[in-house]
Amino acid sequence: MTPLRFAYLALALWGAVHPMYWFLTYMRETGTGLGGLIDAWYVNASTTGLTWDLTIAAIALTVWVLAESASRRDWLGLLAIPATFGIGVSCGLPLYLFLRSRPSVA
């Protein structure tokens, strides 16, 4: 594995674990579960702006993954879409870059 691919993989793992730690910590401390976490995303203008910023980035990443996967006929990259919406852009983007940078088998 090249150093660049290793960096993408490390960032994808970090992007999965680190934000999830804070989400689970918040839900455990407040006892509100996922609904309370989502409510907190809209508690003020700052968090609402950040939520929309990440939502738009996630949609842009999804459009890019779909377009690239279709043109390259590389369907494994589609795994980045559920990672993006299930975990976050911090996981989905480096995961897609990791998958996209693997050697072609043509």
Protein backbone atom coordinates (compact mmCIF):
# COMPACT_ATOMS: atom_id res chain seq x y z
CA MET A 1 0.00 0.00 0.00
CA THR A 2 1.35 3.40 -0.95
CA PRO A 3 1.82 6.06 1.74
CA LEU A 4 -0.98 8.12 0.15
CA ARG A 5 -3.44 5.22 0.27
CA PHE A 6 -2.41 4.53 3.86
CA ALA A 7 -3.08 8.21 4.71
CA TYR A 8 -6.55 8.02 3.12
CA LEU A 9 -7.36 4.85 5.06
CA ALA A 10 -6.09 6.33 8.33
CA LEU A 11 -8.17 9.47 7.77
CA ALA A 12 -11.27 7.38 6.97
CA LEU A 13 -10.85 5.42 10.19
CA TRP A 14 -10.20 8.56 12.21
CA GLY A 15 -13.19 10.21 10.52
CA ALA A 16 -15.35 7.27 11.58
CA VAL A 17 -14.17 6.84 15.16
CA HIS A 18 -13.48 10.36 16.42
CA PRO A 19 -16.82 12.04 15.56
CA MET A 20 -18.76 8.94 16.63
CA TYR A 21 -17.05 9.07 20.03
CA TRP A 22 -18.37 12.60 20.57
CA PHE A 23 -21.85 11.78 19.27
CA LEU A 24 -22.13 8.77 21.60
CA THR A 25 -20.72 10.78 24.52
CA TYR A 26 -23.34 13.49 23.98
CA MET A 27 -26.20 10.98 23.72
CA ARG A 28 -25.00 9.14 26.83
CA GLU A 29 -24.64 12.37 28.85
CA THR A 30 -28.00 13.82 27.87
CA GLY A 31 -29.92 10.56 27.64
CA THR A 32 -31.80 11.93 24.63
CA GLY A 33 -30.63 9.45 22.01
CA LEU A 34 -30.40 10.17 18.32
CA GLY A 35 -33.42 12.52 18.36
CA GLY A 36 -31.73 14.74 20.94
CA LEU A 37 -28.52 14.75 18.95
CA ILE A 38 -30.35 15.85 15.82
CA ASP A 39 -32.19 18.54 17.78
CA ALA A 40 -28.83 19.83 19.02
CA TRP A 41 -27.69 20.32 15.44
CA TYR A 42 -30.28 23.10 15.15
CA VAL A 43 -29.96 24.70 18.59
CA ASN A 44 -28.54 27.99 17.27
CA ALA A 45 -27.49 29.69 14.04
CA SER A 46 -23.91 28.46 14.31
CA THR A 47 -24.77 24.76 14.60
CA THR A 48 -27.50 25.08 12.00
CA GLY A 49 -25.02 26.64 9.57
CA LEU A 50 -22.49 23.88 10.24
CA THR A 51 -25.18 21.23 9.78
CA TRP A 52 -26.15 22.67 6.40
CA ASP A 53 -22.51 23.06 5.40
CA LEU A 54 -21.87 19.37 6.05
CA THR A 55 -25.15 18.35 4.41
CA ILE A 56 -24.29 20.22 1.22
CA ALA A 57 -20.77 18.74 1.26
CA ALA A 58 -22.26 15.26 1.69
CA ILE A 59 -24.59 15.79 -1.27
CA ALA A 60 -21.74 17.11 -3.43
CA LEU A 61 -19.61 14.11 -2.49
CA THR A 62 -22.48 11.77 -3.33
CA VAL A 63 -22.94 13.35 -6.77
CA TRP A 64 -19.20 13.03 -7.41
CA VAL A 65 -19.09 9.39 -6.25
CA LEU A 66 -22.07 8.49 -8.44
CA ALA A 67 -20.62 10.24 -11.51
CA GLU A 68 -17.14 8.77 -11.04
CA SER A 69 -18.41 5.28 -10.27
CA ALA A 70 -20.58 5.27 -13.37
CA SER A 71 -17.91 6.64 -15.70
CA ARG A 72 -15.18 4.35 -14.34
CA ARG A 73 -17.48 1.34 -13.91
CA ASP A 74 -15.98 1.02 -10.42
CA TRP A 75 -18.89 0.17 -8.16
CA LEU A 76 -16.88 -0.41 -4.98
CA GLY A 77 -16.62 3.37 -4.56
CA LEU A 78 -20.35 3.45 -3.86
CA LEU A 79 -19.54 2.24 -0.33
CA ALA A 80 -18.57 5.83 0.43
CA ILE A 81 -22.20 6.98 0.15
CA PRO A 82 -23.60 5.07 3.17
CA ALA A 83 -20.39 5.90 5.06
CA THR A 84 -20.97 9.59 4.33
CA PHE A 85 -24.59 9.68 5.47
CA GLY A 86 -24.25 7.09 8.24
CA ILE A 87 -21.04 8.44 9.77
CA GLY A 88 -20.09 11.69 8.08
CA VAL A 89 -18.13 13.43 5.37
CA SER A 90 -15.03 13.00 7.54
CA CYS A 91 -15.26 9.26 6.89
CA GLY A 92 -16.91 9.14 3.45
CA LEU A 93 -14.50 11.41 1.58
CA PRO A 94 -11.23 9.75 2.64
CA LEU A 95 -12.86 6.33 2.21
CA TYR A 96 -13.77 7.19 -1.38
CA LEU A 97 -10.28 8.53 -2.06
CA PHE A 98 -8.83 5.31 -0.62
CA LEU A 99 -11.08 3.14 -2.79
CA ARG A 100 -10.54 5.27 -5.89
CA SER A 101 -6.75 5.21 -5.58
CA ARG A 102 -6.38 1.46 -5.56
CA PRO A 103 -4.48 -0.06 -8.49
CA SER A 104 -6.67 -0.92 -11.47
CA VAL A 105 -6.98 -4.57 -12.44
CA ALA A 106 -7.53 -4.04 -16.17
